[in-house]
Protein backbone atom coordinates (compact mmCIF):
# COMPACT_ATOMS: atom_id res chain seq x y z
CA UNK A 1 -66.04 29.70 -58.40
CA UNK A 2 -68.32 32.59 -56.46
CA UNK A 3 -69.54 32.13 -53.29
CA UNK A 4 -71.73 34.02 -50.91
CA UNK A 5 -72.29 34.07 -47.04
CA UNK A 6 -75.67 31.97 -46.00
CA UNK A 7 -76.73 31.45 -42.62
CA UNK A 8 -79.78 29.56 -41.17
CA UNK A 9 -81.21 30.74 -37.96
CA UNK A 10 -84.03 29.61 -36.16
CA UNK A 11 -86.00 31.51 -33.05
CA UNK A 12 -84.20 29.40 -30.67
CA UNK A 13 -80.57 28.88 -32.24
CA UNK A 14 -77.99 29.40 -35.63
CA UNK A 15 -78.33 26.22 -37.43
CA UNK A 16 -75.49 26.70 -39.85
CA UNK A 17 -73.40 29.74 -41.21
CA UNK A 18 -70.52 29.43 -43.68
CA UNK A 19 -70.20 30.04 -47.62
CA UNK A 20 -72.21 28.22 -50.22
CA UNK A 21 -72.68 28.11 -53.64
CA UNK A 22 -76.46 28.07 -53.54
CA UNK A 23 -79.57 28.39 -51.76
CA UNK A 24 -82.88 26.83 -52.42
CA UNK A 25 -85.67 27.61 -50.28
CA UNK A 26 -89.88 27.52 -50.62
CA UNK A 27 -91.47 31.06 -50.35
CA UNK A 28 -95.12 32.34 -50.48
CA UNK A 29 -94.34 33.12 -54.11
CA UNK A 30 -92.72 29.85 -54.72
CA UNK A 31 -89.68 27.67 -55.23
CA UNK A 32 -86.35 30.29 -55.37
CA UNK A 33 -82.80 29.62 -55.58
CA UNK A 34 -80.17 31.56 -55.12
CA UNK A 35 -76.70 32.03 -56.34
CA UNK A 36 -73.73 34.57 -55.78
CA UNK A 37 -74.86 37.94 -57.59
CA UNK A 38 -78.37 37.30 -57.38
CA UNK A 39 -80.88 40.24 -57.26
CA UNK A 40 -81.82 41.80 -53.77
CA UNK A 41 -85.25 40.37 -52.38
CA UNK A 42 -87.14 39.78 -49.17
CA UNK A 43 -88.91 36.97 -49.16
CA UNK A 44 -91.84 35.16 -46.81
CA UNK A 45 -91.13 31.49 -46.23
CA UNK A 46 -93.71 28.87 -46.62
CA UNK A 47 -94.75 26.94 -43.68
CA UNK A 48 -94.01 23.52 -43.78
CA UNK A 49 -91.14 24.43 -46.36
CA UNK A 50 -87.59 23.04 -46.87
CA UNK A 51 -84.29 25.22 -47.53
CA UNK A 52 -81.14 23.26 -49.12
CA UNK A 53 -78.21 25.07 -49.18
CA UNK A 54 -75.12 24.07 -51.60
CA UNK A 55 -72.08 24.49 -49.50
CA UNK A 56 -68.57 25.52 -51.00
CA UNK A 57 -67.77 21.96 -50.22
CA UNK A 58 -69.83 20.61 -52.14
CA UNK A 59 -72.05 19.34 -48.77
CA UNK A 60 -75.71 19.17 -48.98
CA UNK A 61 -77.37 20.74 -46.04
CA UNK A 62 -81.01 20.21 -45.81
CA UNK A 63 -83.37 21.49 -42.88
CA UNK A 64 -87.37 21.49 -42.50
CA UNK A 65 -88.63 25.22 -41.97
CA UNK A 66 -91.39 26.47 -40.49
CA UNK A 67 -92.44 30.53 -41.66
CA UNK A 68 -89.78 33.17 -41.45
CA UNK A 69 -87.97 35.15 -43.80
CA UNK A 70 -85.32 34.88 -46.30
CA UNK A 71 -83.14 37.95 -47.26
CA UNK A 72 -80.88 37.78 -49.94
CA UNK A 73 -78.38 40.44 -51.27
CA UNK A 74 -75.92 40.33 -53.92
CA UNK A 75 -73.36 38.29 -51.98
CA UNK A 76 -75.28 36.99 -48.68
CA UNK A 77 -78.49 34.98 -47.54
CA UNK A 78 -80.34 35.24 -44.36
CA UNK A 79 -82.96 32.42 -43.55
CA UNK A 80 -84.79 33.54 -40.32
CA UNK A 81 -87.27 30.73 -39.22
CA UNK A 82 -89.67 30.61 -37.29
CA UNK A 83 -88.19 27.10 -36.22
CA UNK A 84 -86.27 24.59 -38.32
CA UNK A 85 -84.70 21.13 -37.74
CA UNK A 86 -81.94 19.65 -39.97
CA UNK A 87 -83.18 16.79 -42.01
CA UNK A 88 -80.75 14.59 -40.48
CA UNK A 89 -82.30 15.02 -37.13
CA UNK A 90 -85.63 14.52 -37.92
CA UNK A 91 -87.21 11.37 -36.48
CA UNK A 92 -89.40 10.10 -39.51
CA UNK A 93 -91.35 7.95 -37.17
CA UNK A 94 -92.39 10.42 -35.27
CA UNK A 95 -93.26 12.74 -37.93
CA UNK A 96 -95.82 10.17 -39.30
CA UNK A 97 -97.58 9.69 -36.07
CA UNK A 98 -98.38 13.43 -35.94
CA UNK A 99 -99.81 13.35 -39.70
CA UNK A 100 -101.58 9.68 -38.16
CA UNK A 101 -103.49 11.80 -34.94
CA UNK A 102 -106.79 12.62 -35.61
CA UNK A 103 -106.56 14.99 -32.68
CA UNK A 104 -102.90 16.89 -33.98
CA UNK A 105 -103.34 20.67 -34.14
CA UNK A 106 -102.75 22.48 -37.75
CA UNK A 107 -99.38 23.40 -36.44
CA UNK A 108 -97.99 20.60 -35.65
CA UNK A 109 -99.61 18.69 -38.92
CA UNK A 110 -97.64 21.59 -41.07
CA UNK A 111 -94.56 21.42 -38.88
CA UNK A 112 -94.60 17.43 -39.40
CA UNK A 113 -95.54 17.69 -43.33
CA UNK A 114 -92.52 20.33 -43.83
CA UNK A 115 -90.46 17.80 -41.99
CA UNK A 116 -91.25 14.64 -43.94
CA UNK A 117 -90.20 16.28 -46.80
CA UNK A 118 -86.94 17.63 -45.87
CA UNK A 119 -86.05 13.72 -45.47
CA UNK A 120 -87.43 13.43 -49.00
CA UNK A 121 -84.85 15.57 -50.43
CA UNK A 122 -81.59 15.27 -48.31
């Protein structure tokens, strides 16, 4: 099975690095699925988006991402997000509280929406 090198990086830290068979991400042009040998592409990630990685071990890594870029070559994928959280680390109640808060800022609401989407996809 063909595998590619994948890095998921946020401004503050590297979240995940390894080999994968599939990466899917939400870009401003729509959702994209990437496998080994994909044509090179540079995409802008949506705010409140989700990135899902299927590792070569069959594990599924899901993260909520907020903004950033996706860079693809035939053998690698790099996700550079403004912020990112693993679905398994997300506090669902806190995200729902942000959505219920009528005084919450737009960026906080977008991040909370992305976090809940990531949890649903995990």
